[in-house]
């Protein structure tokens, strides 16, 4: 099964400093039919205005992956971690038993991100944060694992879930494939461009909910940048 979830039909909020689309229930948006997809709990498509952001707030028992599409995010947390994650880079925060953090756009232009939350395999543990560059050229024509809970994904940022977050950039006509397994869940969003996922057209910032599909084949209709989450 591959279900297209059109961008224009996603829940929308506009706080002035933050414009967001929610693929799943989040904050004041509640839809019992969209509480997540397997262990994927949140996928927010956020635009943060210059010199604005999220003030310090708590999290616990969640793996939070931030994929920066444009601009940069500046992070500061209660562990003393500080860092700036710019377009093409990814940051991961394992909230563990509890952490407070703030995220701001300190740039002169809007910052656009995907924020992805995955339920961890186990609750508790010490919180952690990390950020890493993933040059788009290295993802050309192939999937690169950006964050993973599997031991053999040595070059990815670690998360505490039996899950992967992958990225790829495709030229028109290029195809990539990923074996997801029939008992797992996939969720794919093009950050830009348009693709076919096993024959189903998915445009920029649409969601593709994937289930009971052993092999996912993605073909670019336009030059595209895509993010895929593989979760139980």
Protein backbone atom coordinates (compact mmCIF):
# COMPACT_ATOMS: atom_id res chain seq x y z
CA UNK A 1 0.00 0.00 0.00
CA UNK A 2 1.20 3.49 -0.90
CA UNK A 3 -1.10 6.33 0.12
CA UNK A 4 -0.43 9.86 -1.16
CA UNK A 5 -1.04 12.58 1.40
CA UNK A 6 -1.15 15.85 -0.58
CA UNK A 7 0.71 18.83 0.87
CA UNK A 8 -2.26 21.15 0.33
CA UNK A 9 -4.47 18.88 2.47
CA UNK A 10 -2.12 18.77 5.48
CA UNK A 11 -3.08 20.60 8.66
CA UNK A 12 -1.78 24.16 8.61
CA UNK A 13 -0.82 26.63 11.34
CA UNK A 14 0.50 30.18 11.06
CA UNK A 15 1.89 31.82 14.18
CA UNK A 16 3.58 34.62 12.26
CA UNK A 17 7.10 33.62 13.29
CA UNK A 18 6.31 29.97 12.48
CA UNK A 19 4.41 28.57 9.51
CA UNK A 20 3.92 24.81 9.71
CA UNK A 21 2.24 21.87 8.03
CA UNK A 22 1.58 18.73 10.08
CA UNK A 23 1.58 15.29 8.46
CA UNK A 24 0.30 13.83 11.76
CA UNK A 25 -1.55 15.04 14.85
CA UNK A 26 0.52 17.63 16.69
CA UNK A 27 -0.11 20.32 19.32
CA UNK A 28 -3.59 21.79 18.72
CA UNK A 29 -4.17 19.66 15.61
CA UNK A 30 -5.75 16.34 16.58
CA UNK A 31 -6.94 13.69 14.14
CA UNK A 32 -7.42 10.20 15.56
CA UNK A 33 -6.79 8.73 12.09
CA UNK A 34 -3.37 10.43 11.86
CA UNK A 35 -1.64 9.74 15.16
CA UNK A 36 1.51 8.49 13.45
CA UNK A 37 2.72 5.79 11.11
CA UNK A 38 4.20 2.85 12.96
CA UNK A 39 6.85 4.26 15.28
CA UNK A 40 6.88 7.55 13.33
CA UNK A 41 4.97 9.98 15.51
CA UNK A 42 5.55 13.45 14.01
CA UNK A 43 6.57 14.91 10.66
CA UNK A 44 6.34 18.70 10.66
CA UNK A 45 7.17 20.90 7.67
CA UNK A 46 8.28 24.13 9.40
CA UNK A 47 9.26 27.60 8.19
CA UNK A 48 10.85 29.73 10.92
CA UNK A 49 11.12 33.48 10.46
CA UNK A 50 14.51 35.24 10.83
CA UNK A 51 15.56 35.90 14.45
CA UNK A 52 12.75 33.75 15.82
CA UNK A 53 12.36 30.23 17.13
CA UNK A 54 11.32 27.86 19.87
CA UNK A 55 12.23 29.05 23.40
CA UNK A 56 13.45 26.51 25.99
CA UNK A 57 10.99 23.65 26.42
CA UNK A 58 11.15 20.02 27.64
CA UNK A 59 11.08 16.67 25.86
CA UNK A 60 11.28 13.07 27.07
CA UNK A 61 11.26 9.63 25.46
CA UNK A 62 11.43 10.72 21.85
CA UNK A 63 14.01 10.66 19.05
CA UNK A 64 13.85 14.06 17.32
CA UNK A 65 15.52 14.40 13.92
CA UNK A 66 15.80 17.82 12.27
CA UNK A 67 16.45 17.85 8.52
CA UNK A 68 17.46 21.37 7.47
CA UNK A 69 16.28 22.21 3.94
CA UNK A 70 17.12 25.93 3.83
CA UNK A 71 18.85 28.30 6.24
CA UNK A 72 20.12 27.04 9.59
CA UNK A 73 18.96 26.07 13.08
CA UNK A 74 20.86 27.06 16.23
CA UNK A 75 20.41 24.64 19.13
CA UNK A 76 21.10 25.03 22.86
CA UNK A 77 20.13 22.53 25.57
CA UNK A 78 20.25 21.83 29.29
CA UNK A 79 23.27 19.53 28.86
CA UNK A 80 25.36 22.47 27.65
CA UNK A 81 25.31 21.43 23.99
CA UNK A 82 25.30 24.26 21.49
CA UNK A 83 25.46 24.02 17.70
CA UNK A 84 24.36 25.44 14.37
CA UNK A 85 22.96 22.99 11.80
CA UNK A 86 22.71 24.40 8.28
CA UNK A 87 21.05 23.32 5.03
CA UNK A 88 22.21 19.86 3.98
CA UNK A 89 22.99 18.91 7.58
CA UNK A 90 21.00 16.88 10.10
CA UNK A 91 20.71 17.07 13.88
CA UNK A 92 19.42 14.42 16.26
CA UNK A 93 18.29 14.81 19.84
CA UNK A 94 17.60 11.70 21.93
CA UNK A 95 15.42 13.13 24.68
CA UNK A 96 15.86 10.09 26.93
CA UNK A 97 14.61 10.57 30.48
CA UNK A 98 14.33 14.31 29.90
CA UNK A 99 16.00 17.36 28.38
CA UNK A 100 15.23 21.03 27.81
CA UNK A 101 16.30 22.73 24.59
CA UNK A 102 15.77 25.80 22.45
CA UNK A 103 15.98 26.10 18.66
CA UNK A 104 16.28 29.42 16.86
CA UNK A 105 16.73 30.77 13.36
CA UNK A 106 19.44 33.39 13.87
CA UNK A 107 19.88 33.88 10.10
CA UNK A 108 18.74 36.80 7.95
CA UNK A 109 16.37 34.64 5.90
CA UNK A 110 13.66 32.07 6.72
CA UNK A 111 14.80 28.61 7.78
CA UNK A 112 12.87 25.61 6.45
CA UNK A 113 13.11 22.22 8.13
CA UNK A 114 11.49 18.84 8.40
CA UNK A 115 11.18 17.87 12.04
CA UNK A 116 10.69 14.13 12.48
CA UNK A 117 9.87 12.40 15.78
CA UNK A 118 10.29 8.65 16.22
CA UNK A 119 9.21 6.69 19.30
CA UNK A 120 12.29 5.06 20.88
CA UNK A 121 12.63 1.33 21.37
CA UNK A 122 12.98 1.87 25.13
CA UNK A 123 12.07 4.75 27.41
CA UNK A 124 14.53 6.50 29.71
CA UNK A 125 18.28 6.75 29.46
CA UNK A 126 20.60 9.74 29.31
CA UNK A 127 19.67 12.43 26.78
CA UNK A 128 22.05 13.19 23.91
CA UNK A 129 22.44 15.58 20.96
CA UNK A 130 24.49 15.53 17.76
CA UNK A 131 24.75 17.24 14.38
CA UNK A 132 26.45 16.12 11.17
CA UNK A 133 26.86 17.35 7.58
CA UNK A 134 25.51 15.21 4.74
CA UNK A 135 26.60 16.83 1.45
CA UNK A 136 23.92 16.52 -1.20
CA UNK A 137 26.51 15.44 -3.73
CA UNK A 138 27.22 12.33 -1.66
CA UNK A 139 23.51 11.42 -1.91
CA UNK A 140 23.34 11.82 -5.69
CA UNK A 141 21.52 8.86 -7.22
CA UNK A 142 21.52 6.83 -4.01
CA UNK A 143 20.10 6.63 -0.53
CA UNK A 144 22.41 7.67 2.30
CA UNK A 145 21.47 6.81 5.88
CA UNK A 146 21.28 10.02 7.89
CA UNK A 147 20.16 8.66 11.27
CA UNK A 148 19.88 5.07 12.42
CA UNK A 149 19.40 2.78 15.37
CA UNK A 150 21.17 -0.12 13.62
CA UNK A 151 24.74 -0.98 14.57
CA UNK A 152 26.00 -1.41 11.00
CA UNK A 153 25.07 2.17 9.98
CA UNK A 154 28.35 3.49 11.29
CA UNK A 155 28.36 6.83 9.44
CA UNK A 156 24.84 7.87 10.44
CA UNK A 157 23.80 9.86 13.48
CA UNK A 158 22.67 7.39 16.19
CA UNK A 159 19.07 7.17 17.36
CA UNK A 160 17.52 4.85 19.96
CA UNK A 161 14.96 3.21 17.72
CA UNK A 162 14.91 0.30 15.28
CA UNK A 163 14.60 2.84 12.48
CA UNK A 164 16.41 4.67 9.73
CA UNK A 165 16.14 8.15 8.23
CA UNK A 166 17.52 8.23 4.68
CA UNK A 167 18.09 10.93 2.08
CA UNK A 168 18.74 10.97 -1.66
CA UNK A 169 19.01 13.48 -4.50
CA UNK A 170 17.84 12.36 -7.94
CA UNK A 171 18.11 13.77 -11.44
CA UNK A 172 15.15 13.44 -13.81
CA UNK A 173 14.75 9.79 -14.79
CA UNK A 174 17.00 8.37 -12.07
CA UNK A 175 15.66 5.52 -9.92
CA UNK A 176 16.67 4.35 -6.44
CA UNK A 177 15.32 1.34 -4.57
CA UNK A 178 15.12 0.48 -0.89
CA UNK A 179 14.10 -2.81 0.72
CA UNK A 180 11.77 -1.91 3.53
CA UNK A 181 10.24 -5.26 4.50
CA UNK A 182 6.59 -6.19 4.52
CA UNK A 183 6.06 -5.74 8.27
CA UNK A 184 7.56 -2.27 8.48
CA UNK A 185 6.31 1.23 7.74
CA UNK A 186 7.83 3.78 5.38
CA UNK A 187 7.10 7.47 5.00
CA UNK A 188 8.62 9.43 2.12
CA UNK A 189 8.52 13.18 1.47
CA UNK A 190 10.22 15.04 -1.39
CA UNK A 191 11.79 18.22 -0.04
CA UNK A 192 11.74 19.40 -3.65
CA UNK A 193 10.84 18.06 -7.10
CA UNK A 194 8.43 15.24 -7.88
CA UNK A 195 8.82 11.46 -7.91
CA UNK A 196 6.94 8.25 -8.54
CA UNK A 197 6.95 5.78 -5.65
CA UNK A 198 6.10 2.34 -7.04
CA UNK A 199 4.13 4.15 -9.74
CA UNK A 200 2.32 6.63 -7.44
CA UNK A 201 3.15 10.29 -8.13
CA UNK A 202 4.34 12.22 -5.07
CA UNK A 203 4.94 15.95 -5.50
CA UNK A 204 7.12 18.26 -3.44
CA UNK A 205 6.24 18.11 0.27
CA UNK A 206 3.49 15.52 -0.23
CA UNK A 207 3.70 12.50 2.03
CA UNK A 208 3.78 8.89 0.84
CA UNK A 209 2.65 6.44 3.53
CA UNK A 210 4.09 3.02 2.69
CA UNK A 211 3.05 -0.31 4.20
CA UNK A 212 3.16 -3.97 3.17
CA UNK A 213 5.63 -3.18 0.39
CA UNK A 214 8.84 -5.23 0.28
CA UNK A 215 10.73 -2.99 -2.18
CA UNK A 216 10.28 0.75 -2.60
CA UNK A 217 11.27 2.07 -6.05
CA UNK A 218 11.55 5.85 -6.42
CA UNK A 219 11.88 7.43 -9.88
CA UNK A 220 12.42 11.16 -10.33
CA UNK A 221 9.92 12.99 -12.53
CA UNK A 222 11.85 16.21 -11.81
CA UNK A 223 15.19 16.83 -10.14
CA UNK A 224 14.31 15.87 -6.57
CA UNK A 225 15.54 15.78 -2.99
CA UNK A 226 13.82 13.12 -0.92
CA UNK A 227 13.70 11.96 2.70
CA UNK A 228 12.53 8.47 3.67
CA UNK A 229 11.84 7.12 7.15
CA UNK A 230 11.80 3.34 7.78
CA UNK A 231 10.25 2.34 11.11
CA UNK A 232 8.64 -0.72 12.71
